[in-house]
Each structure stands twice: as structure tokens, then as C-alpha cells.
Amino acid sequence: MTITGAGGVVITQIAFSEKFQKQFQKLPPEIQELVPKKLTDLKKQPFPAGLKFEKLKGYRRPDIYTIHVTGNYKISFEIVGNLAQLRCVGNHDTIDRSP
């Protein structure tokens, strides 16, 4: 279950975890090409509707958010101030098991 919206959060910086970087390298090339554009969109205000920015329900400390890269691929991240700390990238099953 997810909750849409970020409560007025403005993201100005993005950081990549090791796990994210490893998962990114395993993505199909056509998905790898889309990720930078989606991350650029994440820094836009307001968030473009196509990102489907969502807060994952049930995760606290840290709160975890997701955006969609495609219909089946998502990126999960934490927000610390104005920084989006990217945690994972993968298909829905990967993100749902371990965001």
C-alpha cells in the first residue's frame, strides 16, 4: 500500500547507495537509459505526474519513497532534508521484497 505525495518536499540533491549502483548495472540497457531522466524529473517542482511519486506505507525510520521508471521498474529512496538517498532500483517484486 502506498501514499501519494511528499508533503512539500523539495529535492535538490541525489546520492547513490552501493546497492543501487550494483542493481543499476544489472538493469536492461533500455531501462538504464531512462533512469537519469527520471532522476532529473525527481528534482523538478512540482513532481511530474509520470513519476508516480509514492510513500511506501508501513516503512518508518526511515520513510521510504518510490518513483516509477517504467510500468514495471521502480526506484526506492529515503529523503534526508533536500537529499534523495537512492536505495534500490529494480522491478516491482525486487522493490517490494527489499525497498
PDB file of N, CA and C in Angstrom:
ATOM      1  N   MET A   1       0.853  -1.173   0.000  1.00  0.00           N
ATOM      2  CA  MET A   1       0.000   0.000   0.000  1.00  0.00           C
ATOM      3  C   MET A   1       0.896   1.232   0.000  1.00  0.00           C
ATOM      4  N   THR A   2       0.504   2.240  -0.772  1.00  0.00           N
ATOM      5  CA  THR A   2       1.322   3.437  -0.871  1.00  0.00           C
ATOM      6  C   THR A   2       0.478   4.678  -0.629  1.00  0.00           C
ATOM      7  N   ILE A   3       1.162   5.748  -0.283  1.00  0.00           N
ATOM      8  CA  ILE A   3       0.521   7.040  -0.095  1.00  0.00           C
ATOM      9  C   ILE A   3       1.194   7.998  -1.065  1.00  0.00           C
ATOM     10  N   THR A   4       0.411   8.652  -1.910  1.00  0.00           N
ATOM     11  CA  THR A   4       0.966   9.563  -2.896  1.00  0.00           C
ATOM     12  C   THR A   4       1.284  10.906  -2.256  1.00  0.00           C
ATOM     13  N   GLY A   5       2.383  11.523  -2.697  1.00  0.00           N
ATOM     14  CA  GLY A   5       2.739  12.852  -2.239  1.00  0.00           C
ATOM     15  C   GLY A   5       3.950  12.852  -1.345  1.00  0.00           C
ATOM     16  N   ALA A   6       4.529  14.039  -1.165  1.00  0.00           N
ATOM     17  CA  ALA A   6       5.736  14.143  -0.368  1.00  0.00           C
ATOM     18  C   ALA A   6       5.651  15.251   0.666  1.00  0.00           C
ATOM     19  N   GLY A   7       4.467  15.813   0.851  1.00  0.00           N
ATOM     20  CA  GLY A   7       4.315  16.822   1.886  1.00  0.00           C
ATOM     21  C   GLY A   7       5.157  18.057   1.669  1.00  0.00           C
ATOM     22  N   GLY A   8       5.285  18.507   0.429  1.00  0.00           N
ATOM     23  CA  GLY A   8       6.018  19.722   0.145  1.00  0.00           C
ATOM     24  C   GLY A   8       7.525  19.575   0.110  1.00  0.00           C
ATOM     25  N   VAL A   9       8.026  18.366  -0.016  1.00  0.00           N
ATOM     26  CA  VAL A   9       9.465  18.119  -0.067  1.00  0.00           C
ATOM     27  C   VAL A   9      10.045  18.668  -1.371  1.00  0.00           C
ATOM     28  N   VAL A  10      11.197  19.303  -1.271  1.00  0.00           N
ATOM     29  CA  VAL A  10      11.933  19.769  -2.443  1.00  0.00           C
ATOM     30  C   VAL A  10      13.258  19.018  -2.467  1.00  0.00           C
ATOM     31  N   ILE A  11      13.492  18.281  -3.529  1.00  0.00           N
ATOM     32  CA  ILE A  11      14.736  17.509  -3.654  1.00  0.00           C
ATOM     33  C   ILE A  11      15.692  18.274  -4.565  1.00  0.00           C
ATOM     34  N   THR A  12      16.875  18.567  -4.025  1.00  0.00           N
ATOM     35  CA  THR A  12      17.884  19.289  -4.800  1.00  0.00           C
ATOM     36  C   THR A  12      19.140  18.467  -5.039  1.00  0.00           C
ATOM     37  N   GLN A  13      19.304  17.373  -4.275  1.00  0.00           N
ATOM     38  CA  GLN A  13      20.493  16.529  -4.410  1.00  0.00           C
ATOM     39  C   GLN A  13      20.089  15.066  -4.433  1.00  0.00           C
ATOM     40  N   ILE A  14      20.924  14.278  -5.104  1.00  0.00           N
ATOM     41  CA  ILE A  14      20.684  12.839  -5.181  1.00  0.00           C
ATOM     42  C   ILE A  14      21.995  12.123  -4.870  1.00  0.00           C
ATOM     43  N   ALA A  15      21.917  11.100  -4.006  1.00  0.00           N
ATOM     44  CA  ALA A  15      23.087  10.286  -3.672  1.00  0.00           C
ATOM     45  C   ALA A  15      22.756   8.829  -3.978  1.00  0.00           C
ATOM     46  N   PHE A  16      23.757   8.067  -4.365  1.00  0.00           N
ATOM     47  CA  PHE A  16      23.579   6.682  -4.798  1.00  0.00           C
ATOM     48  C   PHE A  16      24.210   5.722  -3.792  1.00  0.00           C
ATOM     49  N   SER A  17      23.428   4.786  -3.272  1.00  0.00           N
ATOM     50  CA  SER A  17      23.991   3.762  -2.399  1.00  0.00           C
ATOM     51  C   SER A  17      24.742   2.737  -3.250  1.00  0.00           C
ATOM     52  N   GLU A  18      25.604   1.966  -2.606  1.00  0.00           N
ATOM     53  CA  GLU A  18      26.319   0.894  -3.312  1.00  0.00           C
ATOM     54  C   GLU A  18      25.341  -0.109  -3.899  1.00  0.00           C
ATOM     55  N   LYS A  19      24.336  -0.444  -3.109  1.00  0.00           N
ATOM     56  CA  LYS A  19      23.328  -1.413  -3.556  1.00  0.00           C
ATOM     57  C   LYS A  19      22.631  -0.915  -4.823  1.00  0.00           C
ATOM     58  N   PHE A  20      22.263   0.369  -4.841  1.00  0.00           N
ATOM     59  CA  PHE A  20      21.626   0.954  -6.017  1.00  0.00           C
ATOM     60  C   PHE A  20      22.542   0.839  -7.232  1.00  0.00           C
ATOM     61  N   GLN A  21      23.809   1.186  -7.051  1.00  0.00           N
ATOM     62  CA  GLN A  21      24.756   1.165  -8.163  1.00  0.00           C
ATOM     63  C   GLN A  21      24.920  -0.247  -8.723  1.00  0.00           C
ATOM     64  N   LYS A  22      24.985  -1.245  -7.856  1.00  0.00           N
ATOM     65  CA  LYS A  22      25.112  -2.632  -8.314  1.00  0.00           C
ATOM     66  C   LYS A  22      23.863  -3.079  -9.059  1.00  0.00           C
ATOM     67  N   GLN A  23      22.703  -2.741  -8.524  1.00  0.00           N
ATOM     68  CA  GLN A  23      21.453  -3.121  -9.180  1.00  0.00           C
ATOM     69  C   GLN A  23      21.306  -2.412 -10.524  1.00  0.00           C
ATOM     70  N   PHE A  24      21.723  -1.155 -10.584  1.00  0.00           N
ATOM     71  CA  PHE A  24      21.639  -0.381 -11.829  1.00  0.00           C
ATOM     72  C   PHE A  24      22.427  -1.067 -12.942  1.00  0.00           C
ATOM     73  N   GLN A  25      23.622  -1.557 -12.619  1.00  0.00           N
ATOM     74  CA  GLN A  25      24.473  -2.210 -13.619  1.00  0.00           C
ATOM     75  C   GLN A  25      23.828  -3.477 -14.197  1.00  0.00           C
ATOM     76  N   LYS A  26      22.913  -4.087 -13.456  1.00  0.00           N
ATOM     77  CA  LYS A  26      22.263  -5.323 -13.898  1.00  0.00           C
ATOM     78  C   LYS A  26      20.973  -5.075 -14.682  1.00  0.00           C
ATOM     79  N   LEU A  27      20.538  -3.820 -14.753  1.00  0.00           N
ATOM     80  CA  LEU A  27      19.304  -3.497 -15.467  1.00  0.00           C
ATOM     81  C   LEU A  27      19.491  -3.644 -16.975  1.00  0.00           C
ATOM     82  N   PRO A  28      18.407  -3.924 -17.699  1.00  0.00           N
ATOM     83  CA  PRO A  28      18.490  -3.923 -19.160  1.00  0.00           C
ATOM     84  C   PRO A  28      18.913  -2.532 -19.653  1.00  0.00           C
ATOM     85  N   PRO A  29      19.671  -2.459 -20.746  1.00  0.00           N
ATOM     86  CA  PRO A  29      20.162  -1.166 -21.243  1.00  0.00           C
ATOM     87  C   PRO A  29      19.060  -0.124 -21.470  1.00  0.00           C
ATOM     88  N   GLU A  30      17.911  -0.559 -21.947  1.00  0.00           N
ATOM     89  CA  GLU A  30      16.837   0.409 -22.214  1.00  0.00           C
ATOM     90  C   GLU A  30      16.294   1.022 -20.920  1.00  0.00           C
ATOM     91  N   ILE A  31      16.358   0.290 -19.821  1.00  0.00           N
ATOM     92  CA  ILE A  31      15.941   0.831 -18.517  1.00  0.00           C
ATOM     93  C   ILE A  31      17.033   1.749 -17.976  1.00  0.00           C
ATOM     94  N   GLN A  32      18.302   1.356 -18.142  1.00  0.00           N
ATOM     95  CA  GLN A  32      19.416   2.203 -17.702  1.00  0.00           C
ATOM     96  C   GLN A  32      19.348   3.579 -18.367  1.00  0.00           C
ATOM     97  N   GLU A  33      18.915   3.627 -19.610  1.00  0.00           N
ATOM     98  CA  GLU A  33      18.819   4.910 -20.321  1.00  0.00           C
ATOM     99  C   GLU A  33      17.732   5.811 -19.740  1.00  0.00           C
ATOM    100  N   LEU A  34      16.680   5.229 -19.174  1.00  0.00           N
ATOM    101  CA  LEU A  34      15.566   6.009 -18.638  1.00  0.00           C
ATOM    102  C   LEU A  34      15.836   6.561 -17.239  1.00  0.00           C
ATOM    103  N   VAL A  35      16.666   5.890 -16.463  1.00  0.00           N
ATOM    104  CA  VAL A  35      16.871   6.266 -15.065  1.00  0.00           C
ATOM    105  C   VAL A  35      17.367   7.715 -14.899  1.00  0.00           C
ATOM    106  N   PRO A  36      18.384   8.187 -15.642  1.00  0.00           N
ATOM    107  CA  PRO A  36      18.831   9.578 -15.444  1.00  0.00           C
ATOM    108  C   PRO A  36      17.730  10.611 -15.671  1.00  0.00           C
ATOM    109  N   LYS A  37      16.874  10.390 -16.666  1.00  0.00           N
ATOM    110  CA  LYS A  37      15.779  11.330 -16.915  1.00  0.00           C
ATOM    111  C   LYS A  37      14.803  11.345 -15.746  1.00  0.00           C
ATOM    112  N   LYS A  38      14.493  10.174 -15.201  1.00  0.00           N
ATOM    113  CA  LYS A  38      13.574  10.106 -14.068  1.00  0.00           C
ATOM    114  C   LYS A  38      14.168  10.795 -12.839  1.00  0.00           C
ATOM    115  N   LEU A  39      15.483  10.670 -12.654  1.00  0.00           N
ATOM    116  CA  LEU A  39      16.136  11.335 -11.519  1.00  0.00           C
ATOM    117  C   LEU A  39      16.145  12.849 -11.706  1.00  0.00           C
ATOM    118  N   THR A  40      16.295  13.303 -12.939  1.00  0.00           N
ATOM    119  CA  THR A  40      16.194  14.736 -13.225  1.00  0.00           C
ATOM    120  C   THR A  40      14.784  15.220 -12.918  1.00  0.00           C
ATOM    121  N   ASP A  41      13.781  14.430 -13.319  1.00  0.00           N
ATOM    122  CA  ASP A  41      12.389  14.783 -13.043  1.00  0.00           C
ATOM    123  C   ASP A  41      12.110  14.833 -11.541  1.00  0.00           C
ATOM    124  N   LEU A  42      12.782  13.998 -10.772  1.00  0.00           N
ATOM    125  CA  LEU A  42      12.598  13.966  -9.326  1.00  0.00           C
ATOM    126  C   LEU A  42      12.974  15.303  -8.690  1.00  0.00           C
ATOM    127  N   LYS A  43      13.880  16.034  -9.308  1.00  0.00           N
ATOM    128  CA  LYS A  43      14.319  17.318  -8.771  1.00  0.00           C
ATOM    129  C   LYS A  43      13.409  18.475  -9.202  1.00  0.00           C
ATOM    130  N   LYS A  44      12.459  18.195 -10.102  1.00  0.00           N
ATOM    131  CA  LYS A  44      11.539  19.237 -10.566  1.00  0.00           C
ATOM    132  C   LYS A  44      10.431  19.458  -9.554  1.00  0.00           C
ATOM    133  N   GLN A  45       9.946  20.684  -9.499  1.00  0.00           N
ATOM    134  CA  GLN A  45       8.819  21.021  -8.628  1.00  0.00           C
ATOM    135  C   GLN A  45       7.724  21.646  -9.462  1.00  0.00           C
ATOM    136  N   PRO A  46       6.499  21.208  -9.375  1.00  0.00           N
ATOM    137  CA  PRO A  46       6.088  20.012  -8.645  1.00  0.00           C
ATOM    138  C   PRO A  46       6.556  18.756  -9.376  1.00  0.00           C
ATOM    139  N   PHE A  47       6.531  17.624  -8.678  1.00  0.00           N
ATOM    140  CA  PHE A  47       6.957  16.373  -9.298  1.00  0.00           C
ATOM    141  C   PHE A  47       6.066  16.066 -10.495  1.00  0.00           C
ATOM    142  N   PRO A  48       6.654  15.703 -11.640  1.00  0.00           N
ATOM    143  CA  PRO A  48       5.826  15.310 -12.790  1.00  0.00           C
ATOM    144  C   PRO A  48       4.950  14.103 -12.443  1.00  0.00           C
ATOM    145  N   ALA A  49       3.721  14.120 -12.936  1.00  0.00           N
ATOM    146  CA  ALA A  49       2.760  13.053 -12.628  1.00  0.00           C
ATOM    147  C   ALA A  49       3.264  11.687 -13.087  1.00  0.00           C
ATOM    148  N   GLY A  50       4.027  11.635 -14.159  1.00  0.00           N
ATOM    149  CA  GLY A  50       4.516  10.370 -14.696  1.00  0.00           C
ATOM    150  C   GLY A  50       5.462   9.624 -13.769  1.00  0.00           C
ATOM    151  N   LEU A  51       6.004  10.297 -12.765  1.00  0.00           N
ATOM    152  CA  LEU A  51       6.907   9.633 -11.823  1.00  0.00           C
ATOM    153  C   LEU A  51       6.152   8.706 -10.879  1.00  0.00           C
ATOM    154  N   LYS A  52       4.899   9.005 -10.634  1.00  0.00           N
ATOM    155  CA  LYS A  52       4.101   8.255  -9.658  1.00  0.00           C
ATOM    156  C   LYS A  52       4.840   8.216  -8.307  1.00  0.00           C
ATOM    157  N   PHE A  53       5.204   9.385  -7.827  1.00  0.00           N
ATOM    158  CA  PHE A  53       5.902   9.547  -6.554  1.00  0.00           C
ATOM    159  C   PHE A  53       5.005   9.031  -5.439  1.00  0.00           C
ATOM    160  N   GLU A  54       5.503   8.072  -4.653  1.00  0.00           N
ATOM    161  CA  GLU A  54       4.699   7.458  -3.608  1.00  0.00           C
ATOM    162  C   GLU A  54       5.525   7.199  -2.358  1.00  0.00           C
ATOM    163  N   LYS A  55       4.873   7.318  -1.212  1.00  0.00           N
ATOM    164  CA  LYS A  55       5.489   6.925   0.057  1.00  0.00           C
ATOM    165  C   LYS A  55       5.018   5.511   0.356  1.00  0.00           C
ATOM    166  N   LEU A  56       5.957   4.619   0.636  1.00  0.00           N
ATOM    167  CA  LEU A  56       5.576   3.252   0.965  1.00  0.00           C
ATOM    168  C   LEU A  56       4.986   3.211   2.370  1.00  0.00           C
ATOM    169  N   LYS A  57       3.802   2.699   2.463  1.00  0.00           N
ATOM    170  CA  LYS A  57       3.128   2.606   3.749  1.00  0.00           C
ATOM    171  C   LYS A  57       3.756   1.466   4.555  1.00  0.00           C
ATOM    172  N   GLY A  58       3.913   1.696   5.842  1.00  0.00           N
ATOM    173  CA  GLY A  58       4.454   0.658   6.709  1.00  0.00           C
ATOM    174  C   GLY A  58       5.953   0.775   6.949  1.00  0.00           C
ATOM    175  N   TYR A  59       6.609   1.696   6.280  1.00  0.00           N
ATOM    176  CA  TYR A  59       8.050   1.894   6.496  1.00  0.00           C
ATOM    177  C   TYR A  59       8.256   3.218   7.212  1.00  0.00           C
ATOM    178  N   ARG A  60       8.823   3.148   8.387  1.00  0.00           N
ATOM    179  CA  ARG A  60       9.152   4.336   9.170  1.00  0.00           C
ATOM    180  C   ARG A  60      10.572   4.167   9.685  1.00  0.00           C
ATOM    181  N   ARG A  61      11.219   5.291   9.775  1.00  0.00           N
ATOM    182  CA  ARG A  61      12.599   5.305  10.275  1.00  0.00           C
ATOM    183  C   ARG A  61      13.477   4.328   9.540  1.00  0.00           C
ATOM    184  N   PRO A  62      13.769   4.518   8.329  1.00  0.00           N
ATOM    185  CA  PRO A  62      13.437   5.716   7.556  1.00  0.00           C
ATOM    186  C   PRO A  62      12.143   5.545   6.773  1.00  0.00           C
ATOM    187  N   ASP A  63      11.531   6.685   6.440  1.00  0.00           N
ATOM    188  CA  ASP A  63      10.431   6.663   5.483  1.00  0.00           C
ATOM    189  C   ASP A  63      11.028   6.340   4.128  1.00  0.00           C
ATOM    190  N   ILE A  64      10.351   5.499   3.371  1.00  0.00           N
ATOM    191  CA  ILE A  64      10.846   5.101   2.051  1.00  0.00           C
ATOM    192  C   ILE A  64       9.829   5.522   0.995  1.00  0.00           C
ATOM    193  N   TYR A  65      10.349   6.106  -0.067  1.00  0.00           N
ATOM    194  CA  TYR A  65       9.536   6.584  -1.177  1.00  0.00           C
ATOM    195  C   TYR A  65       9.935   5.829  -2.439  1.00  0.00           C
ATOM    196  N   THR A  66       9.051   5.835  -3.431  1.00  0.00           N
ATOM    197  CA  THR A  66       9.374   5.234  -4.725  1.00  0.00           C
ATOM    198  C   THR A  66       8.922   6.145  -5.852  1.00  0.00           C
ATOM    199  N   ILE A  67       9.597   5.989  -6.992  1.00  0.00           N
ATOM    200  CA  ILE A  67       9.140   6.569  -8.246  1.00  0.00           C
ATOM    201  C   ILE A  67       9.195   5.457  -9.282  1.00  0.00           C
ATOM    202  N   HIS A  68       8.396   5.589 -10.313  1.00  0.00           N
ATOM    203  CA  HIS A  68       8.363   4.601 -11.383  1.00  0.00           C
ATOM    204  C   HIS A  68       9.299   5.026 -12.504  1.00  0.00           C
ATOM    205  N   VAL A  69      10.095   4.081 -12.976  1.00  0.00           N
ATOM    206  CA  VAL A  69      10.928   4.300 -14.159  1.00  0.00           C
ATOM    207  C   VAL A  69      10.100   3.913 -15.378  1.00  0.00           C
ATOM    208  N   THR A  70       9.468   2.745 -15.312  1.00  0.00           N
ATOM    209  CA  THR A  70       8.506   2.271 -16.312  1.00  0.00           C
ATOM    210  C   THR A  70       7.358   1.645 -15.534  1.00  0.00           C
ATOM    211  N   GLY A  71       6.461   0.989 -16.240  1.00  0.00           N
ATOM    212  CA  GLY A  71       5.356   0.334 -15.564  1.00  0.00           C
ATOM    213  C   GLY A  71       5.798  -0.763 -14.620  1.00  0.00           C
ATOM    214  N   ASN A  72       6.951  -1.382 -14.887  1.00  0.00           N
ATOM    215  CA  ASN A  72       7.398  -2.499 -14.061  1.00  0.00           C
ATOM    216  C   ASN A  72       8.664  -2.217 -13.253  1.00  0.00           C
ATOM    217  N   TYR A  73       9.343  -1.114 -13.488  1.00  0.00           N
ATOM    218  CA  TYR A  73      10.588  -0.803 -12.779  1.00  0.00           C
ATOM    219  C   TYR A  73      10.409   0.430 -11.909  1.00  0.00           C
ATOM    220  N   LYS A  74      10.986   0.350 -10.682  1.00  0.00           N
ATOM    221  CA  LYS A  74      10.882   1.452  -9.728  1.00  0.00           C
ATOM    222  C   LYS A  74      12.237   1.731  -9.095  1.00  0.00           C
ATOM    223  N   ILE A  75      12.313   2.906  -8.487  1.00  0.00           N
ATOM    224  CA  ILE A  75      13.469   3.322  -7.691  1.00  0.00           C
ATOM    225  C   ILE A  75      12.956   3.619  -6.291  1.00  0.00           C
ATOM    226  N   SER A  76      13.639   3.098  -5.263  1.00  0.00           N
ATOM    227  CA  SER A  76      13.270   3.436  -3.884  1.00  0.00           C
ATOM    228  C   SER A  76      14.353   4.331  -3.290  1.00  0.00           C
ATOM    229  N   PHE A  77      13.932   5.204  -2.377  1.00  0.00           N
ATOM    230  CA  PHE A  77      14.878   6.145  -1.776  1.00  0.00           C
ATOM    231  C   PHE A  77      14.335   6.677  -0.462  1.00  0.00           C
ATOM    232  N   GLU A  78      15.263   7.219   0.324  1.00  0.00           N
ATOM    233  CA  GLU A  78      14.940   7.948   1.558  1.00  0.00           C
ATOM    234  C   GLU A  78      15.138   9.424   1.260  1.00  0.00           C
ATOM    235  N   ILE A  79      14.435  10.271   1.991  1.00  0.00           N
ATOM    236  CA  ILE A  79      14.629  11.712   1.860  1.00  0.00           C
ATOM    237  C   ILE A  79      15.198  12.229   3.170  1.00  0.00           C
ATOM    238  N   VAL A  80      16.360  12.864   3.076  1.00  0.00           N
ATOM    239  CA  VAL A  80      17.016  13.458   4.232  1.00  0.00           C
ATOM    240  C   VAL A  80      17.223  14.931   3.892  1.00  0.00           C
ATOM    241  N   GLY A  81      16.384  15.796   4.474  1.00  0.00           N
ATOM    242  CA  GLY A  81      16.430  17.205   4.108  1.00  0.00           C
ATOM    243  C   GLY A  81      16.032  17.356   2.650  1.00  0.00           C
ATOM    244  N   ASN A  82      16.957  17.858   1.834  1.00  0.00           N
ATOM    245  CA  ASN A  82      16.710  18.012   0.398  1.00  0.00           C
ATOM    246  C   ASN A  82      17.441  16.960  -0.420  1.00  0.00           C
ATOM    247  N   LEU A  83      17.945  15.930   0.237  1.00  0.00           N
ATOM    248  CA  LEU A  83      18.709  14.871  -0.410  1.00  0.00           C
ATOM    249  C   LEU A  83      17.849  13.622  -0.572  1.00  0.00           C
ATOM    250  N   ALA A  84      17.851  13.070  -1.784  1.00  0.00           N
ATOM    251  CA  ALA A  84      17.226  11.764  -2.023  1.00  0.00           C
ATOM    252  C   ALA A  84      18.352  10.737  -2.030  1.00  0.00           C
ATOM    253  N   GLN A  85      18.371   9.863  -1.019  1.00  0.00           N
ATOM    254  CA  GLN A  85      19.378   8.797  -0.915  1.00  0.00           C
ATOM    255  C   GLN A  85      18.797   7.566  -1.589  1.00  0.00           C
ATOM    256  N   LEU A  86      19.267   7.272  -2.815  1.00  0.00           N
ATOM    257  CA  LEU A  86      18.729   6.154  -3.577  1.00  0.00           C
ATOM    258  C   LEU A  86      19.140   4.843  -2.945  1.00  0.00           C
ATOM    259  N   ARG A  87      18.172   3.973  -2.717  1.00  0.00           N
ATOM    260  CA  ARG A  87      18.401   2.693  -2.053  1.00  0.00           C
ATOM    261  C   ARG A  87      18.455   1.540  -3.046  1.00  0.00           C
ATOM    262  N   CYS A  88      17.399   1.412  -3.885  1.00  0.00           N
ATOM    263  CA  CYS A  88      17.269   0.264  -4.786  1.00  0.00           C
ATOM    264  C   CYS A  88      16.679   0.693  -6.114  1.00  0.00           C
ATOM    265  N   VAL A  89      16.966  -0.095  -7.128  1.00  0.00           N
ATOM    266  CA  VAL A  89      16.329   0.057  -8.429  1.00  0.00           C
ATOM    267  C   VAL A  89      16.079  -1.345  -8.955  1.00  0.00           C
ATOM    268  N   GLY A  90      14.887  -1.577  -9.465  1.00  0.00           N
ATOM    269  CA  GLY A  90      14.564  -2.900  -9.987  1.00  0.00           C
ATOM    270  C   GLY A  90      13.094  -3.012 -10.307  1.00  0.00           C
ATOM    271  N   ASN A  91      12.671  -4.230 -10.611  1.00  0.00           N
ATOM    272  CA  ASN A  91      11.258  -4.432 -10.914  1.00  0.00           C
ATOM    273  C   ASN A  91      10.445  -4.367  -9.616  1.00  0.00           C
ATOM    274  N   HIS A  92       9.135  -4.357  -9.759  1.00  0.00           N
ATOM    275  CA  HIS A  92       8.257  -4.216  -8.586  1.00  0.00           C
ATOM    276  C   HIS A  92       8.535  -5.279  -7.535  1.00  0.00           C
ATOM    277  N   ASP A  93       8.751  -6.521  -7.955  1.00  0.00           N
ATOM    278  CA  ASP A  93       8.996  -7.597  -6.989  1.00  0.00           C
ATOM    279  C   ASP A  93      10.262  -7.338  -6.165  1.00  0.00           C
ATOM    280  N   THR A  94      11.314  -6.873  -6.822  1.00  0.00           N
ATOM    281  CA  THR A  94      12.573  -6.570  -6.129  1.00  0.00           C
ATOM    282  C   THR A  94      12.356  -5.467  -5.089  1.00  0.00           C
ATOM    283  N   ILE A  95      11.685  -4.402  -5.479  1.00  0.00           N
ATOM    284  CA  ILE A  95      11.461  -3.276  -4.577  1.00  0.00           C
ATOM    285  C   ILE A  95      10.523  -3.681  -3.440  1.00  0.00           C
ATOM    286  N   ASP A  96       9.486  -4.447  -3.750  1.00  0.00           N
ATOM    287  CA  ASP A  96       8.544  -4.862  -2.711  1.00  0.00           C
ATOM    288  C   ASP A  96       9.179  -5.775  -1.672  1.00  0.00           C
ATOM    289  N   ARG A  97      10.126  -6.630  -2.082  1.00  0.00           N
ATOM    290  CA  ARG A  97      10.790  -7.530  -1.140  1.00  0.00           C
ATOM    291  C   ARG A  97      11.765  -6.802  -0.232  1.00  0.00           C
ATOM    292  N   SER A  98      12.501  -5.857  -0.797  1.00  0.00           N
ATOM    293  CA  SER A  98      13.537  -5.181  -0.033  1.00  0.00           C
ATOM    294  C   SER A  98      13.753  -3.765  -0.557  1.00  0.00           C
ATOM    295  N   PRO A  99      12.895  -2.828  -0.129  1.00  0.00           N
ATOM    296  CA  PRO A  99      12.996  -1.474  -0.669  1.00  0.00           C
ATOM    297  C   PRO A  99      14.229  -0.753  -0.158  1.00  0.00           C
TER     298      PRO A  99
END
